Each structure stands twice: as structure tokens, then as C-alpha cells.
Amino acid sequence: MTVSLVLIVIMSAMYACAVYMLLERSLTRVLLGFLLAGNATNLLILIMVGEAGIAPIFDESIEPAEYTDPLPQALILTAIVITFAVSAFLLALIYRSWRLANADDFSDDADDLALREGAVVIEAEETLPEASTTDFPLEREEPR
């Protein structure tokens, strides 16, 4: 089994660029980073297959070792479908963000910064559900 060093370098560069883009604040760059990571994953699976062989169509005259394994092809197809579905979801988020705020990047507001620095402590609200909407008892037991 021989693996092309060029494919490994390209795959590594694609992963590095994808991680860099995923850490950005712009949702469009996050989408592009996710697409790049999906393509790098497909390339990784393709590199791991090994040498190409004969198409996996059964023929009695051909040795079983000469066939190409169809499992990596199925994994790549599955990865393509998952990447497409998550990309469609991210596109919907980007569109919704653009329609609401006319921007696709997120910035920290004053409350986020105060919470990160520890200047503000947010207390948890403890509310009981209405008796008409639950079948469980509403009394709270004290921990022992």
C-alpha cells in the first residue's frame, strides 16, 4: 500500500484551514470551514483505502483480493450526505441571522463580558410547573 505524500499534505492543510475558519465569529466562515473539514474527511477516507482495485462487481474468474473494498466508498457517500444536511442547517441559521440583524457575525455584548470576568453572578430561577400541565407531584423534597 502506497500513500501519496501530496494527498496527506493537502488533507492536513485542509484540516488546518477548516479549524481556523471554524474558530471565526462570522457564520459564513464557519460554514466554509465546516465544508472544508467535510472535504478533508472524505480525502482522509480515500487515502486510507489504499491501492485501487477492480470494481466490486462479482465475477467468478476474478480473485477476491483484486476487488476494491466498497465500505470506504459507502462511508464517503454517507459523509457527503451528512455534510450536506449540516450545511443546509447552517445556511438556514445564516439566513435567519441576516434577516434579524443584517449581520452574520457574533460579538460579545456587555453582559457576556461581565459574566466572563466574574463581575456578575446570575442566580438560577426555580419555578414549579402549573398543576394542570403535569402528572408529577409539585412538592419538592429537601436533599438528605
N, C-alpha and C. Protein backbone atom coordinates (compact mmCIF):
# COMPACT_ATOMS: atom_id res chain seq x y z
N MET A 1 0.84 -1.17 0.00
CA MET A 1 0.00 0.00 0.00
C MET A 1 0.89 1.24 0.00
N THR A 2 0.72 2.07 -0.99
CA THR A 2 1.47 3.31 -1.06
C THR A 2 0.50 4.48 -0.95
N VAL A 3 0.89 5.43 -0.15
CA VAL A 3 0.07 6.62 0.06
C VAL A 3 0.85 7.81 -0.47
N SER A 4 0.20 8.62 -1.25
CA SER A 4 0.86 9.79 -1.81
C SER A 4 1.06 10.84 -0.71
N LEU A 5 2.28 11.29 -0.57
CA LEU A 5 2.60 12.31 0.43
C LEU A 5 1.88 13.62 0.11
N VAL A 6 1.68 13.89 -1.17
CA VAL A 6 0.99 15.13 -1.57
C VAL A 6 -0.44 15.14 -1.04
N LEU A 7 -1.13 13.99 -1.12
CA LEU A 7 -2.51 13.92 -0.61
C LEU A 7 -2.55 14.13 0.90
N ILE A 8 -1.57 13.61 1.61
CA ILE A 8 -1.53 13.79 3.06
C ILE A 8 -1.30 15.25 3.41
N VAL A 9 -0.41 15.92 2.69
CA VAL A 9 -0.14 17.33 2.95
C VAL A 9 -1.37 18.17 2.63
N ILE A 10 -2.04 17.88 1.52
CA ILE A 10 -3.25 18.62 1.16
C ILE A 10 -4.34 18.41 2.20
N MET A 11 -4.52 17.17 2.64
CA MET A 11 -5.53 16.88 3.65
C MET A 11 -5.21 17.61 4.95
N SER A 12 -3.97 17.61 5.37
CA SER A 12 -3.57 18.31 6.60
C SER A 12 -3.81 19.81 6.48
N ALA A 13 -3.47 20.37 5.34
CA ALA A 13 -3.70 21.80 5.13
C ALA A 13 -5.19 22.13 5.13
N MET A 14 -5.99 21.24 4.57
CA MET A 14 -7.44 21.46 4.57
C MET A 14 -7.99 21.43 5.98
N TYR A 15 -7.54 20.48 6.80
CA TYR A 15 -7.98 20.43 8.20
C TYR A 15 -7.53 21.67 8.97
N ALA A 16 -6.30 22.11 8.74
CA ALA A 16 -5.79 23.29 9.44
C ALA A 16 -6.61 24.53 9.08
N CYS A 17 -6.87 24.72 7.80
CA CYS A 17 -7.69 25.86 7.36
C CYS A 17 -9.11 25.75 7.89
N ALA A 18 -9.64 24.53 7.94
CA ALA A 18 -11.00 24.33 8.44
C ALA A 18 -11.11 24.70 9.91
N VAL A 19 -10.15 24.28 10.71
CA VAL A 19 -10.18 24.61 12.14
C VAL A 19 -10.04 26.11 12.33
N TYR A 20 -9.18 26.75 11.56
CA TYR A 20 -9.02 28.20 11.65
C TYR A 20 -10.33 28.90 11.31
N MET A 21 -10.99 28.46 10.27
CA MET A 21 -12.24 29.10 9.86
C MET A 21 -13.39 28.79 10.83
N LEU A 22 -13.37 27.62 11.44
CA LEU A 22 -14.42 27.29 12.40
C LEU A 22 -14.33 28.14 13.67
N LEU A 23 -13.17 28.67 13.98
CA LEU A 23 -12.99 29.48 15.17
C LEU A 23 -13.30 30.96 14.94
N GLU A 24 -13.72 31.33 13.75
CA GLU A 24 -14.08 32.71 13.45
C GLU A 24 -15.45 33.05 14.02
N ARG A 25 -15.77 34.33 14.09
CA ARG A 25 -17.07 34.76 14.60
C ARG A 25 -18.12 34.88 13.50
N SER A 26 -17.72 34.89 12.27
CA SER A 26 -18.65 35.01 11.15
C SER A 26 -19.24 33.63 10.83
N LEU A 27 -20.57 33.57 10.75
CA LEU A 27 -21.21 32.30 10.45
C LEU A 27 -20.89 31.81 9.04
N THR A 28 -20.67 32.72 8.11
CA THR A 28 -20.31 32.32 6.76
C THR A 28 -18.96 31.62 6.75
N ARG A 29 -18.02 32.12 7.52
CA ARG A 29 -16.71 31.46 7.60
C ARG A 29 -16.82 30.13 8.33
N VAL A 30 -17.71 30.05 9.31
CA VAL A 30 -17.93 28.77 9.99
C VAL A 30 -18.47 27.75 9.00
N LEU A 31 -19.41 28.17 8.15
CA LEU A 31 -19.95 27.27 7.13
C LEU A 31 -18.86 26.82 6.17
N LEU A 32 -18.04 27.75 5.71
CA LEU A 32 -16.95 27.37 4.79
C LEU A 32 -15.94 26.45 5.48
N GLY A 33 -15.67 26.69 6.75
CA GLY A 33 -14.77 25.81 7.50
C GLY A 33 -15.35 24.42 7.65
N PHE A 34 -16.66 24.34 7.89
CA PHE A 34 -17.29 23.03 8.02
C PHE A 34 -17.25 22.28 6.68
N LEU A 35 -17.50 22.98 5.58
CA LEU A 35 -17.42 22.34 4.26
C LEU A 35 -16.00 21.85 3.98
N LEU A 36 -15.02 22.65 4.35
CA LEU A 36 -13.62 22.26 4.16
C LEU A 36 -13.26 21.05 5.00
N ALA A 37 -13.75 21.01 6.23
CA ALA A 37 -13.50 19.85 7.09
C ALA A 37 -14.18 18.60 6.54
N GLY A 38 -15.37 18.75 5.97
CA GLY A 38 -16.04 17.60 5.35
C GLY A 38 -15.28 17.06 4.16
N ASN A 39 -14.76 17.95 3.33
CA ASN A 39 -13.97 17.51 2.18
C ASN A 39 -12.65 16.89 2.61
N ALA A 40 -12.04 17.44 3.67
CA ALA A 40 -10.80 16.84 4.18
C ALA A 40 -11.07 15.45 4.74
N THR A 41 -12.21 15.26 5.37
CA THR A 41 -12.56 13.94 5.89
C THR A 41 -12.76 12.94 4.75
N ASN A 42 -13.41 13.38 3.68
CA ASN A 42 -13.56 12.50 2.52
C ASN A 42 -12.21 12.12 1.94
N LEU A 43 -11.30 13.08 1.89
CA LEU A 43 -9.95 12.80 1.39
C LEU A 43 -9.21 11.86 2.33
N LEU A 44 -9.41 12.00 3.63
CA LEU A 44 -8.78 11.10 4.60
C LEU A 44 -9.27 9.66 4.38
N ILE A 45 -10.56 9.48 4.20
CA ILE A 45 -11.10 8.14 3.97
C ILE A 45 -10.55 7.58 2.66
N LEU A 46 -10.45 8.41 1.64
CA LEU A 46 -9.91 7.97 0.35
C LEU A 46 -8.43 7.58 0.47
N ILE A 47 -7.67 8.31 1.28
CA ILE A 47 -6.26 7.97 1.48
C ILE A 47 -6.13 6.63 2.21
N MET A 48 -7.02 6.37 3.15
CA MET A 48 -6.93 5.16 3.95
C MET A 48 -7.33 3.90 3.19
N VAL A 49 -7.99 4.04 2.04
CA VAL A 49 -8.44 2.88 1.27
C VAL A 49 -7.26 2.06 0.77
N GLY A 50 -6.23 2.73 0.31
CA GLY A 50 -5.08 2.01 -0.23
C GLY A 50 -5.11 2.03 -1.75
N GLU A 51 -4.51 1.02 -2.33
CA GLU A 51 -4.43 0.96 -3.78
C GLU A 51 -5.79 0.67 -4.39
N ALA A 52 -6.01 1.22 -5.57
CA ALA A 52 -7.26 0.98 -6.28
C ALA A 52 -7.25 -0.43 -6.86
N GLY A 53 -8.42 -0.99 -6.93
CA GLY A 53 -8.56 -2.34 -7.48
C GLY A 53 -9.68 -2.36 -8.50
N ILE A 54 -10.18 -3.54 -8.75
CA ILE A 54 -11.26 -3.72 -9.71
C ILE A 54 -12.58 -3.37 -9.02
N ALA A 55 -13.53 -2.87 -9.79
CA ALA A 55 -14.84 -2.53 -9.23
C ALA A 55 -15.45 -3.74 -8.55
N PRO A 56 -16.09 -3.54 -7.38
CA PRO A 56 -16.60 -4.68 -6.61
C PRO A 56 -17.89 -5.28 -7.18
N ILE A 57 -17.81 -5.72 -8.41
CA ILE A 57 -18.91 -6.43 -9.05
C ILE A 57 -18.48 -7.89 -9.16
N PHE A 58 -19.28 -8.80 -8.66
CA PHE A 58 -18.87 -10.20 -8.54
C PHE A 58 -18.66 -10.85 -9.91
N ASP A 59 -17.53 -11.49 -10.05
CA ASP A 59 -17.20 -12.27 -11.23
C ASP A 59 -16.39 -13.47 -10.74
N GLU A 60 -16.78 -14.67 -11.14
CA GLU A 60 -16.13 -15.88 -10.64
C GLU A 60 -14.68 -16.01 -11.09
N SER A 61 -14.30 -15.40 -12.19
CA SER A 61 -12.95 -15.54 -12.70
C SER A 61 -11.94 -14.62 -12.01
N ILE A 62 -12.41 -13.70 -11.18
CA ILE A 62 -11.52 -12.74 -10.52
C ILE A 62 -11.31 -13.14 -9.07
N GLU A 63 -10.05 -13.05 -8.62
CA GLU A 63 -9.70 -13.35 -7.23
C GLU A 63 -10.34 -12.30 -6.30
N PRO A 64 -10.80 -12.69 -5.13
CA PRO A 64 -11.40 -11.73 -4.20
C PRO A 64 -10.44 -10.63 -3.73
N ALA A 65 -9.16 -10.91 -3.70
CA ALA A 65 -8.18 -9.92 -3.24
C ALA A 65 -7.99 -8.78 -4.24
N GLU A 66 -8.43 -8.96 -5.48
CA GLU A 66 -8.25 -7.94 -6.51
C GLU A 66 -9.34 -6.87 -6.47
N TYR A 67 -10.41 -7.12 -5.73
CA TYR A 67 -11.51 -6.16 -5.66
C TYR A 67 -11.15 -4.97 -4.78
N THR A 68 -11.78 -3.84 -5.04
CA THR A 68 -11.69 -2.69 -4.16
C THR A 68 -12.75 -2.85 -3.08
N ASP A 69 -12.39 -2.50 -1.86
CA ASP A 69 -13.33 -2.59 -0.75
C ASP A 69 -14.43 -1.54 -0.91
N PRO A 70 -15.70 -1.91 -0.94
CA PRO A 70 -16.78 -0.93 -1.14
C PRO A 70 -17.14 -0.15 0.13
N LEU A 71 -16.67 -0.57 1.31
CA LEU A 71 -17.03 0.11 2.55
C LEU A 71 -16.55 1.57 2.59
N PRO A 72 -15.31 1.88 2.23
CA PRO A 72 -14.90 3.30 2.25
C PRO A 72 -15.72 4.16 1.29
N GLN A 73 -16.13 3.59 0.17
CA GLN A 73 -16.97 4.34 -0.76
C GLN A 73 -18.31 4.66 -0.11
N ALA A 74 -18.86 3.71 0.63
CA ALA A 74 -20.12 3.95 1.33
C ALA A 74 -19.94 4.97 2.45
N LEU A 75 -18.80 4.93 3.14
CA LEU A 75 -18.53 5.91 4.18
C LEU A 75 -18.40 7.32 3.61
N ILE A 76 -17.74 7.45 2.46
CA ILE A 76 -17.61 8.76 1.82
C ILE A 76 -18.98 9.28 1.40
N LEU A 77 -19.80 8.41 0.85
CA LEU A 77 -21.15 8.83 0.44
C LEU A 77 -21.95 9.28 1.66
N THR A 78 -21.83 8.56 2.76
CA THR A 78 -22.53 8.95 3.99
C THR A 78 -22.00 10.28 4.50
N ALA A 79 -20.70 10.49 4.46
CA ALA A 79 -20.11 11.76 4.90
C ALA A 79 -20.58 12.91 4.03
N ILE A 80 -20.74 12.68 2.74
CA ILE A 80 -21.24 13.73 1.85
C ILE A 80 -22.66 14.12 2.23
N VAL A 81 -23.50 13.13 2.51
CA VAL A 81 -24.89 13.41 2.87
C VAL A 81 -24.97 14.16 4.20
N ILE A 82 -24.17 13.75 5.18
CA ILE A 82 -24.18 14.43 6.48
C ILE A 82 -23.67 15.86 6.34
N THR A 83 -22.61 16.05 5.55
CA THR A 83 -22.09 17.40 5.33
C THR A 83 -23.13 18.28 4.65
N PHE A 84 -23.86 17.73 3.70
CA PHE A 84 -24.90 18.50 3.02
C PHE A 84 -26.00 18.90 4.00
N ALA A 85 -26.43 17.98 4.86
CA ALA A 85 -27.51 18.28 5.81
C ALA A 85 -27.09 19.35 6.81
N VAL A 86 -25.90 19.24 7.37
CA VAL A 86 -25.44 20.24 8.33
C VAL A 86 -25.20 21.58 7.64
N SER A 87 -24.75 21.56 6.40
CA SER A 87 -24.55 22.80 5.65
C SER A 87 -25.88 23.49 5.39
N ALA A 88 -26.91 22.73 5.08
CA ALA A 88 -28.24 23.32 4.88
C ALA A 88 -28.74 23.95 6.18
N PHE A 89 -28.50 23.29 7.31
CA PHE A 89 -28.89 23.85 8.60
C PHE A 89 -28.13 25.14 8.89
N LEU A 90 -26.81 25.15 8.64
CA LEU A 90 -26.02 26.35 8.87
C LEU A 90 -26.45 27.48 7.94
N LEU A 91 -26.80 27.15 6.70
CA LEU A 91 -27.30 28.18 5.79
C LEU A 91 -28.60 28.79 6.30
N ALA A 92 -29.46 27.96 6.87
CA ALA A 92 -30.70 28.48 7.46
C ALA A 92 -30.40 29.40 8.64
N LEU A 93 -29.42 29.03 9.47
CA LEU A 93 -29.03 29.90 10.58
C LEU A 93 -28.45 31.22 10.09
N ILE A 94 -27.64 31.17 9.05
CA ILE A 94 -27.05 32.38 8.50
C ILE A 94 -28.13 33.28 7.92
N TYR A 95 -29.07 32.69 7.20
CA TYR A 95 -30.17 33.47 6.61
C TYR A 95 -31.01 34.12 7.71
N ARG A 96 -31.32 33.36 8.76
CA ARG A 96 -32.13 33.90 9.86
C ARG A 96 -31.38 35.02 10.57
N SER A 97 -30.10 34.83 10.80
CA SER A 97 -29.29 35.86 11.45
C SER A 97 -29.23 37.13 10.59
N TRP A 98 -29.10 36.96 9.31
CA TRP A 98 -29.03 38.11 8.41
C TRP A 98 -30.36 38.85 8.36
N ARG A 99 -31.46 38.11 8.37
CA ARG A 99 -32.78 38.74 8.33
C ARG A 99 -33.07 39.50 9.63
N LEU A 100 -32.60 39.00 10.76
CA LEU A 100 -32.89 39.64 12.04
C LEU A 100 -31.95 40.80 12.34
N ALA A 101 -30.67 40.64 12.05
CA ALA A 101 -29.69 41.64 12.49
C ALA A 101 -28.89 42.28 11.36
N ASN A 102 -29.12 41.87 10.12
CA ASN A 102 -28.35 42.34 8.97
C ASN A 102 -26.84 42.12 9.17
N ALA A 103 -26.50 41.06 9.87
CA ALA A 103 -25.10 40.70 10.08
C ALA A 103 -25.04 39.21 10.36
N ASP A 104 -23.93 38.62 10.02
CA ASP A 104 -23.79 37.18 10.28
C ASP A 104 -22.66 36.88 11.27
N ASP A 105 -22.15 37.90 11.92
CA ASP A 105 -21.11 37.64 12.91
C ASP A 105 -21.64 37.96 14.30
N PHE A 106 -21.05 37.29 15.26
CA PHE A 106 -21.46 37.46 16.64
C PHE A 106 -20.39 38.21 17.40
N SER A 107 -20.81 39.15 18.21
CA SER A 107 -19.86 39.88 19.04
C SER A 107 -20.33 39.80 20.48
N ASP A 108 -19.38 39.99 21.39
CA ASP A 108 -19.72 39.95 22.81
C ASP A 108 -20.40 41.25 23.21
N ASP A 109 -21.49 41.15 23.94
CA ASP A 109 -22.12 42.34 24.48
C ASP A 109 -21.62 42.56 25.91
N ALA A 110 -22.08 43.62 26.54
CA ALA A 110 -21.59 43.97 27.87
C ALA A 110 -21.90 42.90 28.91
N ASP A 111 -23.07 42.27 28.80
CA ASP A 111 -23.44 41.23 29.75
C ASP A 111 -22.52 40.01 29.62
N ASP A 112 -22.19 39.62 28.39
CA ASP A 112 -21.28 38.49 28.19
C ASP A 112 -19.91 38.78 28.79
N LEU A 113 -19.40 39.98 28.55
CA LEU A 113 -18.09 40.33 29.08
C LEU A 113 -18.09 40.37 30.61
N ALA A 114 -19.16 40.90 31.21
CA ALA A 114 -19.24 40.95 32.67
C ALA A 114 -19.35 39.55 33.26
N LEU A 115 -20.08 38.68 32.60
CA LEU A 115 -20.21 37.31 33.07
C LEU A 115 -18.89 36.56 32.97
N ARG A 116 -18.15 36.80 31.87
CA ARG A 116 -16.86 36.13 31.69
C ARG A 116 -15.85 36.57 32.74
N GLU A 117 -15.87 37.86 33.11
CA GLU A 117 -14.93 38.39 34.09
C GLU A 117 -15.33 38.04 35.52
N GLY A 118 -16.53 37.55 35.72
CA GLY A 118 -16.99 37.19 37.05
C GLY A 118 -17.58 38.35 37.82
N ALA A 119 -17.83 39.48 37.15
CA ALA A 119 -18.39 40.64 37.84
C ALA A 119 -19.88 40.46 38.12
N VAL A 120 -20.53 39.60 37.37
CA VAL A 120 -21.96 39.39 37.53
C VAL A 120 -22.21 37.92 37.81
N VAL A 121 -23.07 37.67 38.77
CA VAL A 121 -23.46 36.30 39.08
C VAL A 121 -24.95 36.18 38.77
N ILE A 122 -25.28 35.24 37.90
CA ILE A 122 -26.68 35.05 37.53
C ILE A 122 -27.25 33.95 38.41
N GLU A 123 -28.30 34.31 39.14
CA GLU A 123 -28.94 33.34 40.00
C GLU A 123 -29.95 32.53 39.20
N ALA A 124 -30.03 31.26 39.51
CA ALA A 124 -30.96 30.39 38.80
C ALA A 124 -32.37 30.60 39.33
N GLU A 125 -33.32 30.62 38.42
CA GLU A 125 -34.72 30.73 38.81
C GLU A 125 -35.27 29.34 39.06
N GLU A 126 -35.96 29.20 40.15
CA GLU A 126 -36.58 27.92 40.45
C GLU A 126 -38.08 28.11 40.39
N THR A 127 -38.70 27.58 39.39
CA THR A 127 -40.14 27.71 39.23
C THR A 127 -40.76 26.33 39.16
N LEU A 128 -41.93 26.23 39.68
CA LEU A 128 -42.68 24.98 39.62
C LEU A 128 -43.64 25.05 38.45
N PRO A 129 -43.88 23.92 37.78
CA PRO A 129 -44.86 23.93 36.70
C PRO A 129 -46.28 24.05 37.25
N GLU A 130 -47.19 24.42 36.40
CA GLU A 130 -48.58 24.51 36.82
C GLU A 130 -49.12 23.11 37.06
N ALA A 131 -50.03 23.00 38.02
CA ALA A 131 -50.57 21.69 38.38
C ALA A 131 -51.36 21.07 37.24
N SER A 132 -51.92 21.89 36.36
CA SER A 132 -52.74 21.35 35.27
C SER A 132 -51.89 20.80 34.12
N THR A 133 -50.60 21.10 34.08
CA THR A 133 -49.77 20.67 32.96
C THR A 133 -48.85 19.50 33.29
N THR A 134 -48.91 18.97 34.51
CA THR A 134 -48.01 17.88 34.87
C THR A 134 -48.75 16.80 35.65
N ASP A 135 -48.25 15.58 35.55
CA ASP A 135 -48.78 14.46 36.31
C ASP A 135 -47.93 14.15 37.53
N PHE A 136 -46.86 14.86 37.71
CA PHE A 136 -45.94 14.61 38.81
C PHE A 136 -46.30 15.48 40.00
N PRO A 137 -45.96 15.03 41.22
CA PRO A 137 -46.25 15.86 42.39
C PRO A 137 -45.41 17.13 42.39
N LEU A 138 -45.97 18.21 42.87
CA LEU A 138 -45.29 19.50 42.83
C LEU A 138 -44.48 19.83 44.08
N GLU A 139 -44.58 19.01 45.13
CA GLU A 139 -43.81 19.27 46.34
C GLU A 139 -42.35 18.90 46.10
N ARG A 140 -41.49 19.76 46.59
CA ARG A 140 -40.06 19.49 46.45
C ARG A 140 -39.57 18.89 47.76
N GLU A 141 -38.80 17.84 47.62
CA GLU A 141 -38.21 17.23 48.80
C GLU A 141 -36.84 17.80 49.04
N GLU A 142 -36.52 18.01 50.29
CA GLU A 142 -35.20 18.53 50.66
C GLU A 142 -34.18 17.41 50.52
N PRO A 143 -33.00 17.68 50.00
CA PRO A 143 -31.97 16.65 49.90
C PRO A 143 -31.51 16.19 51.28
N ARG A 144 -31.20 14.94 51.40
CA ARG A 144 -30.80 14.37 52.69
C ARG A 144 -29.32 14.32 52.82
